[in-house]
Amino acid sequence: MKCPEVREELPAYVRGEQPTLAVRRHLSTCEGCREESARYESLAGALGSLQSMTVEPPSGLKHALVAIPSNQGRLGAVRTHVTRHRRRYVGGAAVAVAGTAGALLLRRRLVAA
């Protein structure tokens, strides 16, 4: 086996999940993969020593989480408003584009003169 193949197998090897003979042989000859294996073993040991605990949430978190759906209501209101007044917004955008084009054309004529 080559190093990349062995390194994919290392997590299972460290957990003791049916290590293959090829992985064991490779580890006996490859210093880099042995070091990687040692890092996995160290990490597995550290993770095993972690304790679970329950922590009380900060005050106000529940209120903030409950308020989130109401924010979606405001977004829905904005979408409804834009949809109802779409023609006005498109008309305003068309006027802005026409005004910008006119200003650029006027500037070009003034610079050319």
N, C-alpha and C. Protein backbone atom coordinates (compact mmCIF):
# COMPACT_ATOMS: atom_id res chain seq x y z
N MET A 1 0.84 -1.19 0.00
CA MET A 1 0.00 0.00 0.00
C MET A 1 0.88 1.24 0.00
N LYS A 2 0.33 2.30 -0.56
CA LYS A 2 1.04 3.59 -0.58
C LYS A 2 0.52 4.45 0.56
N CYS A 3 1.30 5.48 0.90
CA CYS A 3 0.98 6.35 2.04
C CYS A 3 -0.44 6.93 1.99
N PRO A 4 -0.89 7.49 0.85
CA PRO A 4 -2.25 8.05 0.84
C PRO A 4 -3.32 7.01 1.17
N GLU A 5 -3.14 5.79 0.69
CA GLU A 5 -4.12 4.73 0.97
C GLU A 5 -4.10 4.36 2.46
N VAL A 6 -2.90 4.28 3.03
CA VAL A 6 -2.77 3.92 4.43
C VAL A 6 -3.37 5.02 5.31
N ARG A 7 -3.12 6.26 4.95
CA ARG A 7 -3.61 7.38 5.78
C ARG A 7 -5.13 7.46 5.77
N GLU A 8 -5.76 6.98 4.71
CA GLU A 8 -7.22 6.91 4.70
C GLU A 8 -7.72 5.84 5.66
N GLU A 9 -6.92 4.81 5.86
CA GLU A 9 -7.30 3.69 6.73
C GLU A 9 -6.94 3.93 8.20
N LEU A 10 -6.12 4.93 8.49
CA LEU A 10 -5.63 5.12 9.85
C LEU A 10 -6.71 5.34 10.90
N PRO A 11 -7.75 6.15 10.65
CA PRO A 11 -8.77 6.31 11.70
C PRO A 11 -9.39 4.97 12.11
N ALA A 12 -9.70 4.13 11.14
CA ALA A 12 -10.27 2.82 11.46
C ALA A 12 -9.23 1.95 12.16
N TYR A 13 -7.99 2.05 11.74
CA TYR A 13 -6.91 1.27 12.36
C TYR A 13 -6.75 1.64 13.83
N VAL A 14 -6.78 2.93 14.13
CA VAL A 14 -6.62 3.40 15.51
C VAL A 14 -7.80 2.95 16.37
N ARG A 15 -9.01 2.94 15.78
CA ARG A 15 -10.19 2.48 16.53
C ARG A 15 -10.21 0.97 16.69
N GLY A 16 -9.29 0.28 16.01
CA GLY A 16 -9.22 -1.18 16.12
C GLY A 16 -10.22 -1.91 15.25
N GLU A 17 -10.68 -1.27 14.21
CA GLU A 17 -11.66 -1.88 13.30
C GLU A 17 -10.95 -2.71 12.24
N GLN A 18 -10.73 -3.95 12.50
CA GLN A 18 -10.14 -4.91 11.57
C GLN A 18 -8.96 -4.35 10.78
N PRO A 19 -7.84 -4.13 11.44
CA PRO A 19 -6.67 -3.63 10.71
C PRO A 19 -6.18 -4.67 9.71
N THR A 20 -5.87 -4.20 8.52
CA THR A 20 -5.41 -5.13 7.49
C THR A 20 -3.92 -5.38 7.65
N LEU A 21 -3.50 -6.50 7.13
CA LEU A 21 -2.09 -6.86 7.17
C LEU A 21 -1.25 -5.85 6.39
N ALA A 22 -1.81 -5.36 5.27
CA ALA A 22 -1.08 -4.40 4.44
C ALA A 22 -0.83 -3.10 5.21
N VAL A 23 -1.79 -2.65 5.99
CA VAL A 23 -1.61 -1.42 6.78
C VAL A 23 -0.53 -1.64 7.83
N ARG A 24 -0.59 -2.78 8.52
CA ARG A 24 0.42 -3.06 9.55
C ARG A 24 1.82 -3.16 8.95
N ARG A 25 1.93 -3.78 7.79
CA ARG A 25 3.23 -3.89 7.12
C ARG A 25 3.75 -2.51 6.75
N HIS A 26 2.87 -1.69 6.20
CA HIS A 26 3.30 -0.35 5.78
C HIS A 26 3.76 0.46 6.99
N LEU A 27 3.01 0.39 8.08
CA LEU A 27 3.38 1.13 9.29
C LEU A 27 4.72 0.66 9.85
N SER A 28 5.07 -0.60 9.64
CA SER A 28 6.35 -1.10 10.16
C SER A 28 7.53 -0.54 9.38
N THR A 29 7.28 -0.01 8.18
CA THR A 29 8.39 0.50 7.36
C THR A 29 8.34 2.00 7.11
N CYS A 30 7.21 2.67 7.39
CA CYS A 30 7.06 4.08 7.03
C CYS A 30 6.97 4.95 8.29
N GLU A 31 8.00 5.73 8.51
CA GLU A 31 8.06 6.61 9.69
C GLU A 31 6.95 7.67 9.65
N GLY A 32 6.70 8.25 8.48
CA GLY A 32 5.69 9.31 8.37
C GLY A 32 4.30 8.81 8.72
N CYS A 33 3.94 7.63 8.25
CA CYS A 33 2.62 7.08 8.56
C CYS A 33 2.53 6.65 10.02
N ARG A 34 3.64 6.20 10.61
CA ARG A 34 3.63 5.87 12.04
C ARG A 34 3.38 7.13 12.86
N GLU A 35 4.02 8.24 12.46
CA GLU A 35 3.80 9.51 13.17
C GLU A 35 2.34 9.95 13.04
N GLU A 36 1.78 9.79 11.85
CA GLU A 36 0.37 10.14 11.64
C GLU A 36 -0.53 9.25 12.50
N SER A 37 -0.19 7.98 12.59
CA SER A 37 -0.95 7.06 13.42
C SER A 37 -0.88 7.47 14.89
N ALA A 38 0.30 7.89 15.33
CA ALA A 38 0.46 8.35 16.72
C ALA A 38 -0.39 9.59 16.97
N ARG A 39 -0.49 10.49 16.00
CA ARG A 39 -1.34 11.68 16.15
C ARG A 39 -2.81 11.27 16.28
N TYR A 40 -3.25 10.32 15.47
CA TYR A 40 -4.62 9.83 15.57
C TYR A 40 -4.88 9.21 16.93
N GLU A 41 -3.93 8.42 17.43
CA GLU A 41 -4.10 7.79 18.74
C GLU A 41 -4.19 8.85 19.84
N SER A 42 -3.36 9.89 19.75
CA SER A 42 -3.39 10.97 20.72
C SER A 42 -4.73 11.69 20.68
N LEU A 43 -5.21 11.97 19.48
CA LEU A 43 -6.49 12.65 19.31
C LEU A 43 -7.63 11.79 19.84
N ALA A 44 -7.60 10.50 19.54
CA ALA A 44 -8.66 9.60 20.02
C ALA A 44 -8.65 9.55 21.55
N GLY A 45 -7.47 9.54 22.15
CA GLY A 45 -7.39 9.54 23.61
C GLY A 45 -7.94 10.82 24.21
N ALA A 46 -7.61 11.96 23.59
CA ALA A 46 -8.10 13.24 24.09
C ALA A 46 -9.61 13.34 23.95
N LEU A 47 -10.15 12.87 22.83
CA LEU A 47 -11.59 12.92 22.64
C LEU A 47 -12.31 11.99 23.62
N GLY A 48 -11.69 10.87 23.93
CA GLY A 48 -12.29 9.93 24.87
C GLY A 48 -12.36 10.48 26.28
N SER A 49 -11.48 11.42 26.61
CA SER A 49 -11.46 11.96 27.96
C SER A 49 -12.41 13.15 28.15
N LEU A 50 -13.04 13.60 27.09
CA LEU A 50 -13.98 14.71 27.20
C LEU A 50 -15.22 14.29 27.97
N GLN A 51 -15.74 15.19 28.74
CA GLN A 51 -16.96 14.94 29.50
C GLN A 51 -18.10 15.72 28.89
N SER A 52 -19.28 15.12 28.96
CA SER A 52 -20.44 15.87 28.48
C SER A 52 -21.05 16.63 29.65
N MET A 53 -21.57 17.79 29.36
CA MET A 53 -22.20 18.59 30.39
C MET A 53 -23.33 19.40 29.78
N THR A 54 -24.29 19.75 30.60
CA THR A 54 -25.40 20.57 30.17
C THR A 54 -25.19 21.98 30.69
N VAL A 55 -25.37 22.95 29.81
CA VAL A 55 -25.17 24.34 30.18
C VAL A 55 -26.48 25.08 29.96
N GLU A 56 -26.82 25.94 30.88
CA GLU A 56 -28.03 26.75 30.74
C GLU A 56 -27.80 27.80 29.65
N PRO A 57 -28.77 27.99 28.76
CA PRO A 57 -28.60 29.01 27.72
C PRO A 57 -28.63 30.40 28.32
N PRO A 58 -28.02 31.36 27.64
CA PRO A 58 -28.05 32.74 28.14
C PRO A 58 -29.48 33.27 28.19
N SER A 59 -29.72 34.14 29.14
CA SER A 59 -31.06 34.72 29.23
C SER A 59 -31.32 35.57 27.98
N GLY A 60 -32.50 35.52 27.50
CA GLY A 60 -32.85 36.28 26.30
C GLY A 60 -32.70 35.48 25.02
N LEU A 61 -32.02 34.35 25.07
CA LEU A 61 -31.84 33.55 23.85
C LEU A 61 -33.17 33.00 23.36
N LYS A 62 -33.97 32.50 24.28
CA LYS A 62 -35.27 31.96 23.90
C LYS A 62 -36.12 33.03 23.23
N HIS A 63 -36.14 34.21 23.81
CA HIS A 63 -36.93 35.32 23.24
C HIS A 63 -36.42 35.65 21.83
N ALA A 64 -35.10 35.69 21.66
CA ALA A 64 -34.53 36.02 20.35
C ALA A 64 -34.87 34.95 19.33
N LEU A 65 -34.83 33.69 19.74
CA LEU A 65 -35.15 32.61 18.80
C LEU A 65 -36.63 32.60 18.44
N VAL A 66 -37.48 32.92 19.40
CA VAL A 66 -38.91 32.97 19.13
C VAL A 66 -39.23 34.14 18.20
N ALA A 67 -38.47 35.21 18.27
CA ALA A 67 -38.72 36.40 17.45
C ALA A 67 -38.31 36.21 16.00
N ILE A 68 -37.54 35.22 15.68
CA ILE A 68 -37.05 35.02 14.31
C ILE A 68 -38.20 34.86 13.31
N PRO A 69 -39.20 34.04 13.57
CA PRO A 69 -40.29 33.94 12.58
C PRO A 69 -40.97 35.27 12.29
N SER A 70 -41.05 36.17 13.26
CA SER A 70 -41.69 37.46 13.00
C SER A 70 -40.85 38.29 12.03
N ASN A 71 -39.54 38.08 12.01
CA ASN A 71 -38.70 38.77 11.03
C ASN A 71 -39.02 38.30 9.62
N GLN A 72 -39.34 37.01 9.48
CA GLN A 72 -39.74 36.49 8.18
C GLN A 72 -41.04 37.15 7.73
N GLY A 73 -41.92 37.50 8.69
CA GLY A 73 -43.16 38.18 8.36
C GLY A 73 -42.89 39.54 7.73
N ARG A 74 -41.90 40.24 8.26
CA ARG A 74 -41.54 41.55 7.69
C ARG A 74 -40.99 41.39 6.29
N LEU A 75 -40.17 40.37 6.10
CA LEU A 75 -39.62 40.12 4.77
C LEU A 75 -40.74 39.81 3.78
N GLY A 76 -41.71 39.03 4.23
CA GLY A 76 -42.86 38.72 3.37
C GLY A 76 -43.64 39.97 3.02
N ALA A 77 -43.77 40.89 3.99
CA ALA A 77 -44.48 42.14 3.73
C ALA A 77 -43.75 42.98 2.68
N VAL A 78 -42.43 43.01 2.77
CA VAL A 78 -41.65 43.76 1.77
C VAL A 78 -41.80 43.14 0.40
N ARG A 79 -41.72 41.83 0.33
CA ARG A 79 -41.89 41.16 -0.97
C ARG A 79 -43.26 41.44 -1.56
N THR A 80 -44.30 41.39 -0.73
CA THR A 80 -45.65 41.67 -1.20
C THR A 80 -45.75 43.10 -1.72
N HIS A 81 -45.16 44.04 -0.98
CA HIS A 81 -45.19 45.44 -1.39
C HIS A 81 -44.50 45.63 -2.74
N VAL A 82 -43.32 45.05 -2.90
CA VAL A 82 -42.58 45.19 -4.16
C VAL A 82 -43.35 44.55 -5.31
N THR A 83 -43.95 43.39 -5.05
CA THR A 83 -44.73 42.72 -6.10
C THR A 83 -45.92 43.57 -6.53
N ARG A 84 -46.62 44.17 -5.57
CA ARG A 84 -47.78 44.99 -5.89
C ARG A 84 -47.41 46.26 -6.66
N HIS A 85 -46.24 46.80 -6.36
CA HIS A 85 -45.84 48.07 -6.97
C HIS A 85 -44.70 47.89 -7.98
N ARG A 86 -44.63 46.72 -8.56
CA ARG A 86 -43.54 46.40 -9.49
C ARG A 86 -43.47 47.40 -10.64
N ARG A 87 -44.60 47.76 -11.23
CA ARG A 87 -44.60 48.69 -12.37
C ARG A 87 -43.97 50.03 -11.99
N ARG A 88 -44.26 50.51 -10.80
CA ARG A 88 -43.70 51.78 -10.36
C ARG A 88 -42.19 51.69 -10.19
N TYR A 89 -41.74 50.59 -9.60
CA TYR A 89 -40.29 50.41 -9.42
C TYR A 89 -39.58 50.28 -10.76
N VAL A 90 -40.17 49.53 -11.69
CA VAL A 90 -39.56 49.38 -13.03
C VAL A 90 -39.56 50.72 -13.75
N GLY A 91 -40.64 51.47 -13.62
CA GLY A 91 -40.70 52.80 -14.24
C GLY A 91 -39.65 53.72 -13.67
N GLY A 92 -39.49 53.70 -12.35
CA GLY A 92 -38.47 54.54 -11.72
C GLY A 92 -37.06 54.15 -12.16
N ALA A 93 -36.84 52.85 -12.29
CA ALA A 93 -35.52 52.39 -12.76
C ALA A 93 -35.29 52.82 -14.20
N ALA A 94 -36.33 52.78 -15.04
CA ALA A 94 -36.19 53.20 -16.43
C ALA A 94 -35.86 54.68 -16.51
N VAL A 95 -36.51 55.49 -15.69
CA VAL A 95 -36.22 56.93 -15.67
C VAL A 95 -34.78 57.17 -15.23
N ALA A 96 -34.31 56.44 -14.23
CA ALA A 96 -32.93 56.61 -13.76
C ALA A 96 -31.93 56.22 -14.84
N VAL A 97 -32.19 55.13 -15.55
CA VAL A 97 -31.29 54.69 -16.63
C VAL A 97 -31.30 55.72 -17.76
N ALA A 98 -32.48 56.23 -18.13
CA ALA A 98 -32.56 57.23 -19.20
C ALA A 98 -31.85 58.51 -18.79
N GLY A 99 -32.00 58.91 -17.54
CA GLY A 99 -31.32 60.12 -17.07
C GLY A 99 -29.81 59.94 -17.09
N THR A 100 -29.32 58.79 -16.68
CA THR A 100 -27.88 58.52 -16.69
C THR A 100 -27.37 58.51 -18.12
N ALA A 101 -28.10 57.88 -19.03
CA ALA A 101 -27.67 57.85 -20.43
C ALA A 101 -27.64 59.26 -21.01
N GLY A 102 -28.64 60.07 -20.68
CA GLY A 102 -28.67 61.45 -21.17
C GLY A 102 -27.50 62.25 -20.63
N ALA A 103 -27.19 62.07 -19.36
CA ALA A 103 -26.07 62.79 -18.75
C ALA A 103 -24.75 62.38 -19.39
N LEU A 104 -24.58 61.09 -19.67
CA LEU A 104 -23.34 60.63 -20.32
C LEU A 104 -23.24 61.18 -21.75
N LEU A 105 -24.35 61.21 -22.47
CA LEU A 105 -24.35 61.74 -23.83
C LEU A 105 -24.02 63.22 -23.82
N LEU A 106 -24.59 63.97 -22.89
CA LEU A 106 -24.31 65.39 -22.78
C LEU A 106 -22.83 65.62 -22.43
N ARG A 107 -22.33 64.83 -21.51
CA ARG A 107 -20.91 64.97 -21.13
C ARG A 107 -20.00 64.69 -22.32
N ARG A 108 -20.34 63.66 -23.10
CA ARG A 108 -19.52 63.30 -24.25
C ARG A 108 -19.52 64.44 -25.26
N ARG A 109 -20.66 65.08 -25.47
CA ARG A 109 -20.73 66.19 -26.42
C ARG A 109 -19.93 67.39 -25.93
N LEU A 110 -19.98 67.65 -24.60
CA LEU A 110 -19.25 68.77 -24.04
C LEU A 110 -17.73 68.54 -24.11
N VAL A 111 -17.31 67.32 -23.89
CA VAL A 111 -15.88 67.01 -23.95
C VAL A 111 -15.38 67.07 -25.38
N ALA A 112 -16.22 66.65 -26.34
CA ALA A 112 -15.83 66.67 -27.76
C ALA A 112 -15.78 68.08 -28.31
N ALA A 113 -16.51 69.00 -27.70
CA ALA A 113 -16.56 70.36 -28.23
C ALA A 113 -15.39 71.18 -27.89
